[in-house]
């Protein structure tokens, strides 16, 4: 799908507060074989600054609500596929720092200038957020850990899908392609395209599962996962 050139608002739900510093918006994107849920994650950093992970264009009243939370400062494009709204966000907020994985830089740079590919060199100015290049993905995918008062939220992009099974031809086709299931999973097409080192990824999944503070997983495509340890260990076991 070609990245937007102008502000393009697609169907989406309202901004939802998950924690004092964590917000999310769930939208719907039409695909050739049906519809898919997509998610934007917003982290409120110190100094009333916002980190936008996998941006989605909102209507003007909702953008005003977002700006009440803080100033959009960091635009995280977590993979080359999730560049759809990157240009229009950068056009709207010229000072945003664009961060994308090293393996996605070429594709993302086609639509928006990239400021950084190494999360370690970005001056977040807030220890509550940690952006990571997911091991085993050939530097093609970012994940993020966000600490809130209640615990830690793990944010992943295309690594894990949690789209429930639904009725209808489009949903059936998505199921046939392996994107819908009765449990969270790494779809087969994602496994083929994204995962280059299963052992490295399995070790990372197990590391996340061992985090004492982890309370949920937010995925770009699907519902939040509220049993994170079980899910991570189950997926890691499937990579053995």
C-alpha atoms as a PDB file:
ATOM      1  CA  UNK A   1       0.000   0.000   0.000  1.00  0.00           C
ATOM      2  CA  UNK A   2       1.383   3.403  -1.000  1.00  0.00           C
ATOM      3  CA  UNK A   3       2.156   5.773   1.921  1.00  0.00           C
ATOM      4  CA  UNK A   4      -0.183   8.728   2.277  1.00  0.00           C
ATOM      5  CA  UNK A   5       0.787  12.101   0.811  1.00  0.00           C
ATOM      6  CA  UNK A   6      -1.985  14.009   2.604  1.00  0.00           C
ATOM      7  CA  UNK A   7      -3.615  13.700   6.010  1.00  0.00           C
ATOM      8  CA  UNK A   8      -5.871  10.673   5.613  1.00  0.00           C
ATOM      9  CA  UNK A   9      -8.173   9.663   8.456  1.00  0.00           C
ATOM     10  CA  UNK A  10      -9.384   6.070   8.303  1.00  0.00           C
ATOM     11  CA  UNK A  11     -11.914   4.414  10.653  1.00  0.00           C
ATOM     12  CA  UNK A  12     -10.595   4.181  14.197  1.00  0.00           C
ATOM     13  CA  UNK A  13     -11.665   4.056  17.818  1.00  0.00           C
ATOM     14  CA  UNK A  14     -11.165   6.902  20.317  1.00  0.00           C
ATOM     15  CA  UNK A  15      -7.888   7.477  22.149  1.00  0.00           C
ATOM     16  CA  UNK A  16      -7.796   5.020  25.061  1.00  0.00           C
ATOM     17  CA  UNK A  17      -5.779   5.536  28.241  1.00  0.00           C
ATOM     18  CA  UNK A  18      -4.044   2.370  29.461  1.00  0.00           C
ATOM     19  CA  UNK A  19      -1.854   3.962  32.117  1.00  0.00           C
ATOM     20  CA  UNK A  20      -0.820   7.417  33.307  1.00  0.00           C
ATOM     21  CA  UNK A  21       1.795   7.575  30.512  1.00  0.00           C
ATOM     22  CA  UNK A  22       0.424   5.144  27.938  1.00  0.00           C
ATOM     23  CA  UNK A  23      -2.345   5.611  25.372  1.00  0.00           C
ATOM     24  CA  UNK A  24      -3.504   3.712  22.308  1.00  0.00           C
ATOM     25  CA  UNK A  25      -5.692   4.106  19.224  1.00  0.00           C
ATOM     26  CA  UNK A  26      -7.043   1.136  17.288  1.00  0.00           C
ATOM     27  CA  UNK A  27      -7.950   1.604  13.643  1.00  0.00           C
ATOM     28  CA  UNK A  28      -9.087  -0.482  10.695  1.00  0.00           C
ATOM     29  CA  UNK A  29      -7.226  -0.854   7.430  1.00  0.00           C
ATOM     30  CA  UNK A  30      -8.730  -2.411   4.303  1.00  0.00           C
ATOM     31  CA  UNK A  31      -6.584  -5.111   2.780  1.00  0.00           C
ATOM     32  CA  UNK A  32      -6.939  -6.997  -0.534  1.00  0.00           C
ATOM     33  CA  UNK A  33      -8.377  -9.973   1.378  1.00  0.00           C
ATOM     34  CA  UNK A  34     -10.416  -8.114   3.998  1.00  0.00           C
ATOM     35  CA  UNK A  35      -9.820  -5.759   6.901  1.00  0.00           C
ATOM     36  CA  UNK A  36      -7.092  -5.761   9.509  1.00  0.00           C
ATOM     37  CA  UNK A  37      -6.886  -4.042  12.856  1.00  0.00           C
ATOM     38  CA  UNK A  38      -3.948  -1.699  13.368  1.00  0.00           C
ATOM     39  CA  UNK A  39      -2.743   0.101  16.475  1.00  0.00           C
ATOM     40  CA  UNK A  40      -0.932   3.315  17.322  1.00  0.00           C
ATOM     41  CA  UNK A  41       0.762   3.489  20.721  1.00  0.00           C
ATOM     42  CA  UNK A  42       1.454   6.839  22.390  1.00  0.00           C
ATOM     43  CA  UNK A  43       3.859   7.243  25.303  1.00  0.00           C
ATOM     44  CA  UNK A  44       3.779  10.449  27.338  1.00  0.00           C
ATOM     45  CA  UNK A  45       7.352  11.249  28.310  1.00  0.00           C
ATOM     46  CA  UNK A  46       8.618  13.725  30.857  1.00  0.00           C
ATOM     47  CA  UNK A  47       8.396  17.365  29.832  1.00  0.00           C
ATOM     48  CA  UNK A  48       5.011  16.870  28.134  1.00  0.00           C
ATOM     49  CA  UNK A  49       6.587  15.156  25.118  1.00  0.00           C
ATOM     50  CA  UNK A  50       5.017  12.311  23.169  1.00  0.00           C
ATOM     51  CA  UNK A  51       6.517   9.259  21.526  1.00  0.00           C
ATOM     52  CA  UNK A  52       4.347   7.992  18.660  1.00  0.00           C
ATOM     53  CA  UNK A  53       4.840   4.303  17.793  1.00  0.00           C
ATOM     54  CA  UNK A  54       3.302   3.260  14.443  1.00  0.00           C
ATOM     55  CA  UNK A  55       1.410   6.466  13.689  1.00  0.00           C
ATOM     56  CA  UNK A  56      -2.240   6.682  12.643  1.00  0.00           C
ATOM     57  CA  UNK A  57      -3.872   9.902  11.434  1.00  0.00           C
ATOM     58  CA  UNK A  58      -6.734  11.078  13.663  1.00  0.00           C
ATOM     59  CA  UNK A  59      -9.447  13.651  13.097  1.00  0.00           C
ATOM     60  CA  UNK A  60      -8.783  17.235  14.155  1.00  0.00           C
ATOM     61  CA  UNK A  61     -10.596  17.111  17.483  1.00  0.00           C
ATOM     62  CA  UNK A  62      -8.690  13.979  18.476  1.00  0.00           C
ATOM     63  CA  UNK A  63      -5.395  15.487  17.359  1.00  0.00           C
ATOM     64  CA  UNK A  64      -6.193  18.419  19.637  1.00  0.00           C
ATOM     65  CA  UNK A  65      -6.832  15.970  22.489  1.00  0.00           C
ATOM     66  CA  UNK A  66      -3.514  14.301  21.716  1.00  0.00           C
ATOM     67  CA  UNK A  67      -1.700  17.616  21.803  1.00  0.00           C
ATOM     68  CA  UNK A  68      -3.224  18.274  25.217  1.00  0.00           C
ATOM     69  CA  UNK A  69      -1.293  15.228  26.410  1.00  0.00           C
ATOM     70  CA  UNK A  70       1.974  16.606  25.071  1.00  0.00           C
ATOM     71  CA  UNK A  71       4.035  17.646  22.069  1.00  0.00           C
ATOM     72  CA  UNK A  72       4.658  14.920  19.457  1.00  0.00           C
ATOM     73  CA  UNK A  73       8.449  14.656  19.650  1.00  0.00           C
ATOM     74  CA  UNK A  74       9.486  11.172  18.489  1.00  0.00           C
ATOM     75  CA  UNK A  75       8.032   9.305  15.517  1.00  0.00           C
ATOM     76  CA  UNK A  76       8.898   5.609  15.704  1.00  0.00           C
ATOM     77  CA  UNK A  77       8.357   3.731  12.426  1.00  0.00           C
ATOM     78  CA  UNK A  78       8.762   0.185  13.770  1.00  0.00           C
ATOM     79  CA  UNK A  79       9.265  -1.545  10.404  1.00  0.00           C
ATOM     80  CA  UNK A  80       9.311  -0.783   6.699  1.00  0.00           C
ATOM     81  CA  UNK A  81       5.688  -1.894   6.367  1.00  0.00           C
ATOM     82  CA  UNK A  82       4.451   0.597   8.962  1.00  0.00           C
ATOM     83  CA  UNK A  83       5.438   3.736   7.075  1.00  0.00           C
ATOM     84  CA  UNK A  84       1.916   4.431   5.771  1.00  0.00           C
ATOM     85  CA  UNK A  85       1.289   7.550   7.903  1.00  0.00           C
ATOM     86  CA  UNK A  86       4.919   8.550   8.506  1.00  0.00           C
ATOM     87  CA  UNK A  87       5.175  11.349   5.940  1.00  0.00           C
ATOM     88  CA  UNK A  88       1.954  13.074   6.894  1.00  0.00           C
ATOM     89  CA  UNK A  89       2.926  13.066  10.587  1.00  0.00           C
ATOM     90  CA  UNK A  90       6.353  14.490   9.804  1.00  0.00           C
ATOM     91  CA  UNK A  91       4.752  17.112   7.546  1.00  0.00           C
ATOM     92  CA  UNK A  92       2.466  18.105  10.407  1.00  0.00           C
ATOM     93  CA  UNK A  93       5.165  18.114  13.098  1.00  0.00           C
ATOM     94  CA  UNK A  94       8.368  19.141  11.359  1.00  0.00           C
ATOM     95  CA  UNK A  95      10.525  18.842  14.474  1.00  0.00           C
ATOM     96  CA  UNK A  96       9.675  15.210  15.174  1.00  0.00           C
ATOM     97  CA  UNK A  97      12.692  12.907  15.352  1.00  0.00           C
ATOM     98  CA  UNK A  98      12.099   9.901  13.069  1.00  0.00           C
ATOM     99  CA  UNK A  99      13.493   6.590  14.360  1.00  0.00           C
ATOM    100  CA  UNK A 100      13.301   3.309  12.436  1.00  0.00           C
ATOM    101  CA  UNK A 101      15.250   0.025  12.505  1.00  0.00           C
ATOM    102  CA  UNK A 102      18.458  -0.130  10.492  1.00  0.00           C
ATOM    103  CA  UNK A 103      17.041  -2.865   8.288  1.00  0.00           C
ATOM    104  CA  UNK A 104      14.013  -0.701   7.431  1.00  0.00           C
ATOM    105  CA  UNK A 105      15.905   2.529   6.804  1.00  0.00           C
ATOM    106  CA  UNK A 106      16.031   2.344   3.000  1.00  0.00           C
ATOM    107  CA  UNK A 107      12.294   1.795   2.598  1.00  0.00           C
ATOM    108  CA  UNK A 108      11.284   4.322   5.255  1.00  0.00           C
ATOM    109  CA  UNK A 109      13.695   6.923   3.825  1.00  0.00           C
ATOM    110  CA  UNK A 110      11.756   6.778   0.571  1.00  0.00           C
ATOM    111  CA  UNK A 111       8.886   8.596   2.285  1.00  0.00           C
ATOM    112  CA  UNK A 112      10.407  10.474   5.244  1.00  0.00           C
ATOM    113  CA  UNK A 113      13.923  11.496   6.365  1.00  0.00           C
ATOM    114  CA  UNK A 114      15.258   9.130   9.037  1.00  0.00           C
ATOM    115  CA  UNK A 115      17.123  10.664  11.962  1.00  0.00           C
ATOM    116  CA  UNK A 116      18.255   7.526  13.800  1.00  0.00           C
ATOM    117  CA  UNK A 117      18.280   3.733  13.517  1.00  0.00           C
ATOM    118  CA  UNK A 118      20.062   2.918  16.781  1.00  0.00           C
ATOM    119  CA  UNK A 119      17.775   3.451  19.803  1.00  0.00           C
ATOM    120  CA  UNK A 120      20.830   3.676  22.060  1.00  0.00           C
ATOM    121  CA  UNK A 121      21.895   7.004  20.543  1.00  0.00           C
ATOM    122  CA  UNK A 122      18.478   8.687  20.826  1.00  0.00           C
ATOM    123  CA  UNK A 123      18.174  11.064  23.761  1.00  0.00           C
ATOM    124  CA  UNK A 124      14.738  10.080  25.042  1.00  0.00           C
ATOM    125  CA  UNK A 125      15.196  11.992  28.285  1.00  0.00           C
ATOM    126  CA  UNK A 126      12.981   9.482  30.067  1.00  0.00           C
ATOM    127  CA  UNK A 127      13.966   6.115  31.528  1.00  0.00           C
ATOM    128  CA  UNK A 128      10.389   4.781  31.424  1.00  0.00           C
ATOM    129  CA  UNK A 129      10.704   3.814  27.752  1.00  0.00           C
ATOM    130  CA  UNK A 130      13.151   1.429  26.086  1.00  0.00           C
ATOM    131  CA  UNK A 131      13.160   0.893  22.331  1.00  0.00           C
ATOM    132  CA  UNK A 132      14.832  -2.300  21.102  1.00  0.00           C
ATOM    133  CA  UNK A 133      15.748  -3.797  17.746  1.00  0.00           C
ATOM    134  CA  UNK A 134      14.234  -7.275  18.014  1.00  0.00           C
ATOM    135  CA  UNK A 135      16.946  -9.975  17.807  1.00  0.00           C
ATOM    136  CA  UNK A 136      16.524 -12.439  14.969  1.00  0.00           C
ATOM    137  CA  UNK A 137      14.748 -10.012  12.639  1.00  0.00           C
ATOM    138  CA  UNK A 138      17.821  -8.895  10.680  1.00  0.00           C
ATOM    139  CA  UNK A 139      17.399  -5.456  12.282  1.00  0.00           C
ATOM    140  CA  UNK A 140      14.013  -5.068  10.643  1.00  0.00           C
ATOM    141  CA  UNK A 141      11.668  -4.722  13.624  1.00  0.00           C
ATOM    142  CA  UNK A 142      11.428  -2.545  16.728  1.00  0.00           C
ATOM    143  CA  UNK A 143       9.814  -3.427  20.037  1.00  0.00           C
ATOM    144  CA  UNK A 144       9.280  -1.146  23.017  1.00  0.00           C
ATOM    145  CA  UNK A 145       8.994  -1.540  26.780  1.00  0.00           C
ATOM    146  CA  UNK A 146       7.059   1.104  28.696  1.00  0.00           C
ATOM    147  CA  UNK A 147       7.174   1.298  32.487  1.00  0.00           C
ATOM    148  CA  UNK A 148       4.079   2.654  34.235  1.00  0.00           C
ATOM    149  CA  UNK A 149       3.103   2.679  37.893  1.00  0.00           C
ATOM    150  CA  UNK A 150       1.169  -0.584  37.494  1.00  0.00           C
ATOM    151  CA  UNK A 151       3.870  -2.471  35.586  1.00  0.00           C
ATOM    152  CA  UNK A 152       5.583  -2.817  32.216  1.00  0.00           C
ATOM    153  CA  UNK A 153       3.855  -2.965  28.845  1.00  0.00           C
ATOM    154  CA  UNK A 154       5.665  -4.700  25.999  1.00  0.00           C
ATOM    155  CA  UNK A 155       4.804  -3.180  22.615  1.00  0.00           C
ATOM    156  CA  UNK A 156       5.535  -5.292  19.541  1.00  0.00           C
ATOM    157  CA  UNK A 157       4.827  -4.585  15.917  1.00  0.00           C
ATOM    158  CA  UNK A 158       4.354  -7.383  13.365  1.00  0.00           C
ATOM    159  CA  UNK A 159       6.139  -9.933  15.529  1.00  0.00           C
ATOM    160  CA  UNK A 160       2.943 -11.189  17.212  1.00  0.00           C
ATOM    161  CA  UNK A 161      -0.624 -11.057  15.874  1.00  0.00           C
ATOM    162  CA  UNK A 162      -3.691 -11.467  18.091  1.00  0.00           C
ATOM    163  CA  UNK A 163      -6.585 -11.226  15.674  1.00  0.00           C
ATOM    164  CA  UNK A 164      -9.514 -13.384  16.812  1.00  0.00           C
ATOM    165  CA  UNK A 165     -11.298 -15.604  14.344  1.00  0.00           C
ATOM    166  CA  UNK A 166     -14.337 -13.957  12.744  1.00  0.00           C
ATOM    167  CA  UNK A 167     -17.042 -14.858  10.258  1.00  0.00           C
ATOM    168  CA  UNK A 168     -17.076 -13.645   6.674  1.00  0.00           C
ATOM    169  CA  UNK A 169     -15.061 -14.270   3.521  1.00  0.00           C
ATOM    170  CA  UNK A 170     -12.378 -11.699   4.317  1.00  0.00           C
ATOM    171  CA  UNK A 171     -11.885 -13.026   7.832  1.00  0.00           C
ATOM    172  CA  UNK A 172     -11.802 -16.590   6.496  1.00  0.00           C
ATOM    173  CA  UNK A 173      -9.107 -15.676   3.980  1.00  0.00           C
ATOM    174  CA  UNK A 174      -7.084 -13.971   6.709  1.00  0.00           C
ATOM    175  CA  UNK A 175      -7.371 -17.180   8.695  1.00  0.00           C
ATOM    176  CA  UNK A 176      -6.236 -19.275   5.746  1.00  0.00           C
ATOM    177  CA  UNK A 177      -3.205 -17.009   5.402  1.00  0.00           C
ATOM    178  CA  UNK A 178      -2.454 -17.589   9.075  1.00  0.00           C
ATOM    179  CA  UNK A 179      -3.169 -14.095  10.412  1.00  0.00           C
ATOM    180  CA  UNK A 180      -6.222 -15.038  12.503  1.00  0.00           C
ATOM    181  CA  UNK A 181      -6.295 -17.699  15.195  1.00  0.00           C
ATOM    182  CA  UNK A 182      -7.807 -18.547  18.561  1.00  0.00           C
ATOM    183  CA  UNK A 183      -4.525 -17.553  20.220  1.00  0.00           C
ATOM    184  CA  UNK A 184      -1.659 -15.068  19.694  1.00  0.00           C
ATOM    185  CA  UNK A 185       0.911 -16.235  17.157  1.00  0.00           C
ATOM    186  CA  UNK A 186       3.622 -15.327  14.686  1.00  0.00           C
ATOM    187  CA  UNK A 187       1.887 -15.735  11.311  1.00  0.00           C
ATOM    188  CA  UNK A 188       3.636 -18.020   8.830  1.00  0.00           C
ATOM    189  CA  UNK A 189       4.124 -15.220   6.293  1.00  0.00           C
ATOM    190  CA  UNK A 190       5.683 -13.037   8.988  1.00  0.00           C
ATOM    191  CA  UNK A 191       7.910 -15.941   9.997  1.00  0.00           C
ATOM    192  CA  UNK A 192       9.112 -16.336   6.417  1.00  0.00           C
ATOM    193  CA  UNK A 193       9.718 -12.645   5.742  1.00  0.00           C
ATOM    194  CA  UNK A 194      10.790 -11.261   9.118  1.00  0.00           C
ATOM    195  CA  UNK A 195      12.433 -13.983  11.199  1.00  0.00           C
ATOM    196  CA  UNK A 196      16.016 -14.767  10.184  1.00  0.00           C
ATOM    197  CA  UNK A 197      17.344 -16.298  13.421  1.00  0.00           C
ATOM    198  CA  UNK A 198      14.822 -18.327  15.429  1.00  0.00           C
ATOM    199  CA  UNK A 199      17.245 -19.026  18.261  1.00  0.00           C
ATOM    200  CA  UNK A 200      17.960 -15.335  18.827  1.00  0.00           C
ATOM    201  CA  UNK A 201      14.256 -14.507  18.767  1.00  0.00           C
ATOM    202  CA  UNK A 202      13.399 -17.374  21.108  1.00  0.00           C
ATOM    203  CA  UNK A 203      15.959 -16.120  23.627  1.00  0.00           C
ATOM    204  CA  UNK A 204      14.424 -12.630  23.474  1.00  0.00           C
ATOM    205  CA  UNK A 205      10.896 -13.972  23.971  1.00  0.00           C
ATOM    206  CA  UNK A 206      12.068 -15.927  27.002  1.00  0.00           C
ATOM    207  CA  UNK A 207      13.844 -12.845  28.354  1.00  0.00           C
ATOM    208  CA  UNK A 208      10.642 -10.825  28.091  1.00  0.00           C
ATOM    209  CA  UNK A 209       8.707 -13.614  29.808  1.00  0.00           C
ATOM    210  CA  UNK A 210      11.138 -13.441  32.734  1.00  0.00           C
ATOM    211  CA  UNK A 211      10.473  -9.733  33.311  1.00  0.00           C
ATOM    212  CA  UNK A 212       8.912  -9.523  36.757  1.00  0.00           C
ATOM    213  CA  UNK A 213       7.037  -6.319  35.995  1.00  0.00           C
ATOM    214  CA  UNK A 214       5.473  -7.304  32.642  1.00  0.00           C
ATOM    215  CA  UNK A 215       1.670  -6.914  32.716  1.00  0.00           C
ATOM    216  CA  UNK A 216       0.536  -6.846  29.082  1.00  0.00           C
ATOM    217  CA  UNK A 217       1.589  -6.993  25.455  1.00  0.00           C
ATOM    218  CA  UNK A 218       0.293  -4.511  22.906  1.00  0.00           C
ATOM    219  CA  UNK A 219       0.406  -5.746  19.327  1.00  0.00           C
ATOM    220  CA  UNK A 220      -0.005  -3.636  16.214  1.00  0.00           C
ATOM    221  CA  UNK A 221      -2.565  -6.084  14.838  1.00  0.00           C
ATOM    222  CA  UNK A 222      -5.038  -7.426  17.348  1.00  0.00           C
ATOM    223  CA  UNK A 223      -6.197  -7.264  20.924  1.00  0.00           C
ATOM    224  CA  UNK A 224      -3.944  -6.604  23.944  1.00  0.00           C
ATOM    225  CA  UNK A 225      -2.512  -9.758  25.488  1.00  0.00           C
ATOM    226  CA  UNK A 226      -3.189  -9.866  29.220  1.00  0.00           C
ATOM    227  CA  UNK A 227      -1.382 -13.172  29.917  1.00  0.00           C
ATOM    228  CA  UNK A 228       2.012 -12.082  28.597  1.00  0.00           C
ATOM    229  CA  UNK A 229       4.296 -14.677  30.212  1.00  0.00           C
ATOM    230  CA  UNK A 230       2.239 -17.652  29.049  1.00  0.00           C
ATOM    231  CA  UNK A 231       1.983 -16.210  25.531  1.00  0.00           C
ATOM    232  CA  UNK A 232       5.675 -15.427  25.220  1.00  0.00           C
ATOM    233  CA  UNK A 233       6.747 -18.843  26.459  1.00  0.00           C
ATOM    234  CA  UNK A 234       4.223 -20.579  24.202  1.00  0.00           C
ATOM    235  CA  UNK A 235       5.484 -18.742  21.124  1.00  0.00           C
ATOM    236  CA  UNK A 236       9.104 -19.295  22.156  1.00  0.00           C
ATOM    237  CA  UNK A 237       8.397 -23.019  22.486  1.00  0.00           C
ATOM    238  CA  UNK A 238       7.023 -23.081  18.972  1.00  0.00           C
ATOM    239  CA  UNK A 239      10.350 -21.771  17.671  1.00  0.00           C
ATOM    240  CA  UNK A 240      12.337 -24.651  19.176  1.00  0.00           C
END
